[in-house]
Protein backbone atom coordinates (compact mmCIF):
# COMPACT_ATOMS: atom_id res chain seq x y z
CA MET A 1 10.93 -7.31 66.54
CA LYS A 2 10.18 -10.41 64.46
CA THR A 3 12.72 -9.29 61.83
CA LEU A 4 15.37 -8.81 64.51
CA PHE A 5 14.59 -12.26 65.91
CA LEU A 6 14.90 -13.85 62.45
CA LEU A 7 18.17 -12.05 61.73
CA THR A 8 19.55 -13.17 65.10
CA LEU A 9 18.47 -16.73 64.43
CA ILE A 10 20.05 -16.74 60.97
CA LEU A 11 23.27 -15.23 62.34
CA ALA A 12 23.40 -17.86 65.07
CA SER A 13 22.88 -20.63 62.55
CA GLN A 14 25.74 -19.32 60.46
CA ILE A 15 28.03 -19.18 63.50
CA ALA A 16 27.12 -22.69 64.59
CA CYS A 17 27.07 -24.09 61.10
CA HIS A 18 29.46 -26.83 60.04
CA SER A 19 29.83 -27.90 56.44
CA GLN A 20 26.36 -28.44 55.05
CA ASN A 21 27.08 -30.44 51.96
CA GLU A 22 25.10 -33.43 53.18
CA SER A 23 27.37 -36.38 52.67
CA LYS A 24 26.03 -39.13 50.48
CA GLN A 25 28.81 -41.29 51.91
CA PRO A 26 27.42 -43.80 54.43
CA PRO A 27 29.01 -44.11 57.86
CA ALA A 28 31.91 -46.55 58.09
CA VAL A 29 29.87 -48.92 60.27
CA PRO A 30 26.10 -49.59 60.13
CA ASN A 31 24.28 -48.02 63.09
CA PRO A 32 23.41 -50.94 65.41
CA PHE A 33 21.49 -48.61 67.75
CA TYR A 34 18.88 -47.47 65.18
CA SER A 35 15.42 -48.93 65.80
CA ARG A 36 11.94 -47.59 65.15
CA THR A 37 10.45 -50.04 67.65
CA ASP A 38 12.90 -50.18 70.58
CA THR A 39 12.06 -47.41 73.05
CA ARG A 40 14.75 -48.19 75.65
CA LYS A 41 16.92 -45.20 76.54
CA LEU A 42 20.40 -45.46 74.99
CA HIS A 43 23.61 -44.73 76.87
CA ILE A 44 26.19 -44.61 74.07
CA THR A 45 29.45 -42.64 74.20
CA ASN A 46 30.18 -39.95 71.63
CA ALA A 47 33.22 -41.99 70.58
CA GLU A 48 30.87 -44.85 69.63
CA TRP A 49 28.41 -42.48 67.89
CA LYS A 50 31.30 -41.04 65.89
CA LYS A 51 31.96 -44.53 64.45
CA VAL A 52 28.39 -45.00 63.16
CA LEU A 53 27.18 -41.50 62.18
CA SER A 54 28.19 -39.44 59.17
CA PRO A 55 30.40 -36.46 60.08
CA GLU A 56 27.56 -34.04 59.23
CA LEU A 57 24.98 -35.84 61.37
CA TYR A 58 27.48 -36.23 64.21
CA ALA A 59 28.22 -32.48 64.18
CA VAL A 60 24.54 -31.55 64.50
CA ALA A 61 23.29 -34.41 66.68
CA ARG A 62 26.18 -34.82 69.09
CA GLU A 63 27.86 -31.36 68.98
CA ALA A 64 24.69 -29.23 68.60
CA ALA A 65 25.74 -27.66 65.31
CA THR A 66 23.01 -26.16 63.12
CA GLU A 67 22.43 -26.66 59.43
CA ARG A 68 22.06 -23.49 57.36
CA ALA A 69 18.51 -22.24 56.95
CA PHE A 70 16.70 -23.32 53.76
CA THR A 71 19.26 -26.07 52.99
CA GLY A 72 17.81 -29.16 54.69
CA LYS A 73 15.75 -31.69 52.79
CA TYR A 74 12.60 -31.35 54.94
CA TRP A 75 12.21 -27.60 55.54
CA ASP A 76 9.56 -27.22 52.82
CA SER A 77 8.31 -30.80 52.47
CA ASP A 78 4.57 -31.35 52.77
CA VAL A 79 4.44 -35.14 52.27
CA LYS A 80 2.32 -36.98 54.85
CA GLY A 81 4.20 -39.35 57.14
CA THR A 82 6.28 -39.74 60.29
CA TYR A 83 9.58 -38.12 61.26
CA TYR A 84 12.07 -40.16 63.29
CA CYS A 85 15.38 -39.36 65.00
CA ALA A 86 18.07 -39.94 62.37
CA VAL A 87 20.45 -41.16 65.08
CA CYS A 88 18.35 -43.78 66.90
CA GLY A 89 14.99 -44.15 65.08
CA ASN A 90 12.85 -42.73 67.91
CA PRO A 91 9.45 -41.56 66.50
CA LEU A 92 9.36 -37.77 66.93
CA PHE A 93 6.76 -35.92 64.83
CA ARG A 94 3.84 -36.52 62.48
CA SER A 95 3.54 -34.46 59.34
CA ASP A 96 0.07 -33.40 60.57
CA ALA A 97 1.88 -31.25 63.16
CA LYS A 98 4.24 -29.71 60.57
CA PHE A 99 3.63 -26.17 59.37
CA ALA A 100 5.24 -23.64 57.04
CA SER A 101 6.99 -21.29 59.44
CA SER A 102 9.23 -19.66 56.78
CA CYS A 103 12.19 -19.87 59.18
CA GLY A 104 14.12 -22.23 56.88
CA TRP A 105 13.94 -25.34 59.06
CA PRO A 106 11.21 -27.97 59.37
CA SER A 107 8.80 -26.77 62.06
CA PHE A 108 6.22 -28.65 64.09
CA PHE A 109 3.70 -27.48 66.71
CA GLU A 110 3.87 -30.66 68.82
CA PRO A 111 5.85 -33.90 69.14
CA LEU A 112 4.32 -37.29 68.35
CA ARG A 113 4.36 -38.30 72.04
CA ALA A 114 4.93 -36.16 75.13
CA ASN A 115 8.04 -38.17 75.98
CA SER A 116 9.55 -38.26 72.46
CA VAL A 117 11.75 -35.29 73.26
CA ILE A 118 13.27 -33.57 76.27
CA TYR A 119 14.22 -29.94 76.78
CA LYS A 120 17.38 -28.22 77.95
CA SER A 121 18.19 -24.56 78.53
CA ASP A 122 20.55 -23.21 75.85
CA ASN A 123 22.23 -19.85 76.40
CA SER A 124 24.83 -20.16 73.63
CA TYR A 125 25.64 -17.33 71.23
CA GLY A 126 24.19 -14.72 73.59
CA MET A 127 20.63 -16.04 73.17
CA GLN A 128 18.21 -17.64 75.61
CA ARG A 129 16.63 -20.64 73.91
CA THR A 130 15.35 -24.09 74.73
CA GLU A 131 17.12 -26.98 73.05
CA VAL A 132 15.09 -30.00 71.91
CA ILE A 133 16.81 -33.33 72.43
CA CYS A 134 15.78 -36.87 71.46
CA GLU A 135 14.63 -38.58 74.63
CA ARG A 136 15.95 -41.99 73.57
CA CYS A 137 19.52 -41.15 72.50
CA GLY A 138 20.13 -37.62 73.80
CA SER A 139 20.90 -36.16 70.37
CA HIS A 140 20.37 -32.50 69.49
CA LEU A 141 17.38 -31.98 67.19
CA GLY A 142 16.88 -28.20 67.23
CA HIS A 143 15.10 -25.62 69.41
CA ILE A 144 11.57 -24.77 70.53
CA PHE A 145 10.04 -21.29 70.43
CA ASP A 146 6.74 -19.79 71.62
CA ASP A 147 5.68 -18.37 68.24
CA GLY A 148 3.95 -21.37 66.66
CA PRO A 149 0.34 -21.83 65.60
CA PRO A 150 -2.58 -23.04 67.72
CA PRO A 151 -3.30 -25.24 69.50
CA THR A 152 0.13 -25.25 71.23
CA HIS A 153 1.61 -21.94 70.01
CA LYS A 154 4.96 -23.77 69.94
CA ARG A 155 7.44 -24.00 67.06
CA PHE A 156 9.73 -27.00 67.19
CA CYS A 157 12.42 -25.77 64.81
CA MET A 158 14.34 -28.92 63.81
CA ASN A 159 17.43 -29.66 61.74
CA SER A 160 16.52 -31.79 58.69
CA ILE A 161 19.72 -33.81 59.06
CA SER A 162 18.58 -34.90 62.54
CA LEU A 163 15.39 -36.37 61.06
CA ASP A 164 14.52 -39.47 59.05
CA PHE A 165 11.19 -39.53 57.29
CA GLU A 166 8.88 -42.34 56.29
CA PRO A 167 5.95 -41.34 54.09
CA ASP A 168 2.53 -42.78 54.76
CA PRO A 169 1.53 -45.54 52.31
CA GLY A 170 0.31 -43.87 49.15
CA ALA A 171 1.73 -40.43 50.10
CA HIS A 172 3.53 -38.42 47.45
């Protein structure tokens, strides 16, 4: 059953996948909406987001694409620090809640704050899943599953490209 689930998840990621060569090219315009301290909800049009996000980040964050498993920069990282929304800077997860799920995407058992993320039913690709969205900007981050470790038994399966990371001082 677990193997079938993993195969289905990998197949879905391939179907939803856009080009995954993470662009080193910066967006044409600096992102004026990015802030790690402002918690006000953003109401920005996709046309405006398209001007300030890289094409790869836009595809995942605003069109709910999925990066290929085992290709993102954070899927196997174990550096201590904080993960933020790459679109708006909203604090999302602490590395203390990250675990090695072997699914190919960074996985966490709980968000940093209860209101960091919101949830939406996702029935795309013939699957019943729950989408995880940044509460501040409404961007797609990934999905949540009920097969994580204690204490929550949740697995927040996130796209690396949707995350920014700041290591703790002195972390390697």
